[in-house]
Amino acid sequence: MQPLLLLLLVAPLLAVHVDLIPPFEDHCILEEGTNLYDPKNADVVPWFDVDLDKPPSERWTEIATIYKDNIHALIKVITDLVVPIFPDVDVLGLINEVFGEMNKMIPQPYQDEITSISVAAEMPLGEVVLYNIFYEIFTVCTSVIAQDEKGKLWHARNLDFGLFLGWDPVEHEWEISAVLRKMVVNINWIKDGKILYKSNNFAGFIGIYNGMKQGKFTVTANERFMKEGGYVGIIRWLTGMEPDGKWMTWLTRETMENMEDYASAKEHLMNTPMLSPVYYILSGTKPGEGCIISRSLDKTDILSEMSAQKDPWYILQTNYDPDTEPLFLDDRQTPGDKCMKKLGKKNIGFQGIYNVLSSRTNLNKLTTYTVLMQTDTGKFETHLQACPGDCWPF
């Protein structure tokens, strides 16, 4: 019997972690003392300003103009995947009609920002709307908050994107992931002439998956897979059932712009009605200020405090509820926990956590970048990531 077939048959019966078959098995690079962290690699990702004092129609012009070819390439990959499924349908025409009309329902300032990106990138409005909402459905990732021996908090995440969106058999990677790596930017969000907060984004995407408000809090958002997923929220929103519901990444952005401390950010992320399930991973500035907020559309289902964990010096979240066993073919929790324990509290810092997130299978074929944040110092680094060679596809 083939090893992979045996794995598929046995793992569900065991209901425990099952190692992937060679050469895809989990591997913590700290086991042999390997260090892949180089702060100079963060210089590859450019910085831009988004000035919130400007009219929404002017905020994204620079980024959208510079990256218009990349945005076009991304939409082409998506449509090339869909067209063969519906050969008799004008897919692009349908996208531009449906999603173009949808923009009229999007609240301000997002509506005007999206419109301006379509103008600057010289592409139809519907395609830019599609670009800004499909992240609600197709993202997997790993987020970590860790507390060092001095009580300082460090926050990091891998963003994995592109699952089932076009496998390139020549390059052995997901087509969407390859395109997105060329679109990663860092952003200083400006208010009253000063940096209000920092994030990293895909160029032309107006929501936030990762943000840091210096001296106050940091947040990352991980996809949560549920029966009532993002598509349900979209339908409810389109039909007027949830006119005030928040998109996952827009609620993150709203929290970064309006909340002033860990407690207020926590309350806002826990209790604001949403259009898609999500895990918000939130850290503050004081020892123990770290939590996972497991959200459904209407409420917080689970609040997991870092201080209540078996190992209260860190918290690691992938895409499964903290009290649920991960799918055996997608278990990034077990190797992540193992590697964090190998790292240990005394070695917490950008280098240590980066090496954890650069270990398989937290690093996989979907991984596009690692972001590292430390809010006391305001240090924020984005490192492009890829997993060449024999890596698990997700």
Foldseek 3Di string as FASTA:
>chain_A
DDPVVVCVVPCVVVLDADADDPPAGFDQPVVVPDFPDDQVLLVVAAEDEQEPVDQLLPRQLVLLQVCLVLLVVLLVLQVVVVCVVPVPDPVVVVQLVVQVVVLVLDDPPVSSNLVSSCVSSVHRSSSLSCVQAPVQPFKWKKKKWFAAPVLFIKIKMWIFGQVPSDADPVQGFRPNLVSQLVQKHKYQYHDPRDRLKIAIDRRSHDFGQWIFGAQAKIKGKGAADDPLFLVVLVVCCVVVNCSPAAEPRNLVVVLSNPPGHLVVSVVSVFAGAHRGWIWMWMATGGRQRTWIFGDGRGGTPDIGTLCPDPNSRMDMDIHYPPVHRDDNLDPPPVQLVVLDVSCDNNNDDPRSVVSSCLIPPVAFSRTAWMWMAGRHVRDIGIRGDHDPDDYRRD
